[in-house]
Structures are given as C-alpha cells and as structure tokens.
Amino acid sequence: MNTSPRPPTPINSPSYPTEFQQVILKKSQNFVGRAFLFTAIYNFIQSHDRG
C-alpha cells in the first residue's frame, strides 16, 4: 500500500444515493485521519467490482 491517498469522494457525488447523503454526512462529520484506511478502501473499490 505505497500509493498516495485519494481525495475523499464528495458527499453529493453521484456514487452516493441521495437518500443516504444526509446519513453519511452526519456519521462522517467528526471522522478524521486514517488516510491509510481510505486509501485501502479506494484501491479495493477500483480493483474489485463487488465485495
């Protein structure tokens, strides 16, 4: 995991259903740091079409 972190996906991105945007915003409001985790998630999503 030597890749640089990707910028977070904007909350109003088409990848998030509109009904979840408010929930995602509320739950992630105070979530900071852990860039390595976001990088790992991003890399997984880019290389796998399902979990």
N, C-alpha and C. Protein backbone atom coordinates (compact mmCIF):
# COMPACT_ATOMS: atom_id res chain seq x y z
N MET A 1 0.84 -1.18 0.00
CA MET A 1 0.00 0.00 0.00
C MET A 1 0.88 1.24 0.00
N ASN A 2 1.66 1.36 -1.03
CA ASN A 2 2.53 2.51 -1.15
C ASN A 2 1.96 3.57 -2.08
N THR A 3 0.67 3.54 -2.28
CA THR A 3 0.05 4.55 -3.13
C THR A 3 -0.35 5.74 -2.28
N SER A 4 -0.39 6.89 -2.90
CA SER A 4 -0.79 8.08 -2.16
C SER A 4 -2.30 8.09 -1.98
N PRO A 5 -2.77 8.68 -0.87
CA PRO A 5 -4.21 8.70 -0.62
C PRO A 5 -4.96 9.47 -1.68
N ARG A 6 -6.14 9.02 -1.98
CA ARG A 6 -7.02 9.70 -2.92
C ARG A 6 -7.87 10.69 -2.14
N PRO A 7 -8.25 11.77 -2.78
CA PRO A 7 -9.14 12.70 -2.08
C PRO A 7 -10.48 12.03 -1.81
N PRO A 8 -11.12 12.39 -0.70
CA PRO A 8 -12.42 11.78 -0.40
C PRO A 8 -13.46 12.11 -1.46
N THR A 9 -14.37 11.19 -1.66
CA THR A 9 -15.45 11.42 -2.60
C THR A 9 -16.41 12.44 -2.02
N PRO A 10 -16.76 13.48 -2.77
CA PRO A 10 -17.70 14.46 -2.23
C PRO A 10 -19.02 13.79 -1.86
N ILE A 11 -19.62 14.30 -0.81
CA ILE A 11 -20.86 13.70 -0.31
C ILE A 11 -21.99 13.81 -1.32
N ASN A 12 -21.95 14.79 -2.21
CA ASN A 12 -23.01 14.94 -3.20
C ASN A 12 -22.64 14.27 -4.53
N SER A 13 -21.69 13.35 -4.47
CA SER A 13 -21.26 12.63 -5.65
C SER A 13 -22.37 11.69 -6.13
N PRO A 14 -22.47 11.46 -7.43
CA PRO A 14 -23.47 10.53 -7.94
C PRO A 14 -23.29 9.11 -7.41
N SER A 15 -22.12 8.79 -6.83
CA SER A 15 -21.90 7.43 -6.33
C SER A 15 -22.67 7.16 -5.04
N TYR A 16 -23.17 8.19 -4.38
CA TYR A 16 -23.97 8.02 -3.18
C TYR A 16 -25.43 8.26 -3.49
N PRO A 17 -26.30 7.32 -3.14
CA PRO A 17 -27.73 7.56 -3.33
C PRO A 17 -28.16 8.77 -2.50
N THR A 18 -29.03 9.57 -3.04
CA THR A 18 -29.44 10.81 -2.35
C THR A 18 -30.05 10.53 -0.98
N GLU A 19 -30.72 9.40 -0.82
CA GLU A 19 -31.34 9.14 0.48
C GLU A 19 -30.32 8.84 1.58
N PHE A 20 -29.07 8.54 1.19
CA PHE A 20 -28.03 8.26 2.18
C PHE A 20 -27.11 9.45 2.42
N GLN A 21 -27.16 10.48 1.62
CA GLN A 21 -26.22 11.59 1.75
C GLN A 21 -26.25 12.24 3.12
N GLN A 22 -27.43 12.48 3.67
CA GLN A 22 -27.53 13.12 4.98
C GLN A 22 -26.97 12.21 6.07
N VAL A 23 -27.25 10.93 6.00
CA VAL A 23 -26.74 9.98 6.98
C VAL A 23 -25.21 9.92 6.91
N ILE A 24 -24.69 9.82 5.70
CA ILE A 24 -23.23 9.76 5.52
C ILE A 24 -22.58 11.02 6.05
N LEU A 25 -23.15 12.16 5.76
CA LEU A 25 -22.58 13.42 6.24
C LEU A 25 -22.57 13.46 7.76
N LYS A 26 -23.67 13.07 8.39
CA LYS A 26 -23.76 13.11 9.85
C LYS A 26 -22.76 12.13 10.48
N LYS A 27 -22.66 10.94 9.96
CA LYS A 27 -21.78 9.92 10.54
C LYS A 27 -20.31 10.20 10.30
N SER A 28 -19.97 10.90 9.22
CA SER A 28 -18.57 11.13 8.90
C SER A 28 -18.08 12.52 9.29
N GLN A 29 -18.92 13.31 9.90
CA GLN A 29 -18.60 14.69 10.26
C GLN A 29 -17.34 14.79 11.12
N ASN A 30 -17.20 13.97 12.13
CA ASN A 30 -16.07 14.05 13.05
C ASN A 30 -15.02 12.98 12.78
N PHE A 31 -15.11 12.32 11.65
CA PHE A 31 -14.16 11.26 11.31
C PHE A 31 -12.98 11.87 10.57
N VAL A 32 -11.84 11.91 11.21
CA VAL A 32 -10.65 12.50 10.60
C VAL A 32 -9.48 11.52 10.71
N GLY A 33 -8.48 11.74 9.90
CA GLY A 33 -7.31 10.89 9.94
C GLY A 33 -7.54 9.58 9.23
N ARG A 34 -6.69 8.62 9.51
CA ARG A 34 -6.79 7.28 8.95
C ARG A 34 -6.75 7.28 7.43
N ALA A 35 -5.89 8.10 6.86
CA ALA A 35 -5.78 8.18 5.40
C ALA A 35 -5.45 6.82 4.80
N PHE A 36 -4.66 6.00 5.51
CA PHE A 36 -4.31 4.68 5.00
C PHE A 36 -5.55 3.82 4.80
N LEU A 37 -6.54 3.99 5.66
CA LEU A 37 -7.77 3.22 5.54
C LEU A 37 -8.56 3.62 4.30
N PHE A 38 -8.68 4.92 4.08
CA PHE A 38 -9.38 5.40 2.89
C PHE A 38 -8.66 4.98 1.62
N THR A 39 -7.33 4.98 1.66
CA THR A 39 -6.56 4.53 0.50
C THR A 39 -6.83 3.05 0.22
N ALA A 40 -6.85 2.24 1.26
CA ALA A 40 -7.11 0.81 1.08
C ALA A 40 -8.52 0.57 0.53
N ILE A 41 -9.48 1.29 1.05
CA ILE A 41 -10.86 1.14 0.55
C ILE A 41 -10.95 1.57 -0.90
N TYR A 42 -10.35 2.71 -1.23
CA TYR A 42 -10.37 3.21 -2.60
C TYR A 42 -9.72 2.20 -3.55
N ASN A 43 -8.57 1.67 -3.16
CA ASN A 43 -7.87 0.70 -4.01
C ASN A 43 -8.70 -0.57 -4.20
N PHE A 44 -9.37 -1.02 -3.15
CA PHE A 44 -10.22 -2.20 -3.26
C PHE A 44 -11.36 -1.94 -4.23
N ILE A 45 -12.01 -0.81 -4.09
CA ILE A 45 -13.15 -0.47 -4.95
C ILE A 45 -12.73 -0.38 -6.41
N GLN A 46 -11.53 0.14 -6.65
CA GLN A 46 -11.04 0.29 -8.02
C GLN A 46 -10.67 -1.05 -8.64
N SER A 47 -10.29 -2.04 -7.84
CA SER A 47 -9.82 -3.30 -8.41
C SER A 47 -10.83 -4.45 -8.28
N HIS A 48 -11.96 -4.23 -7.58
CA HIS A 48 -12.96 -5.29 -7.43
C HIS A 48 -14.34 -4.71 -7.76
N ASP A 49 -15.10 -5.46 -8.50
CA ASP A 49 -16.44 -4.94 -8.85
C ASP A 49 -17.51 -5.35 -7.84
N ARG A 50 -17.13 -6.15 -6.85
CA ARG A 50 -18.05 -6.49 -5.77
C ARG A 50 -17.23 -6.91 -4.54
N GLY A 51 -17.83 -6.85 -3.39
CA GLY A 51 -17.11 -7.10 -2.15
C GLY A 51 -17.06 -8.51 -1.73
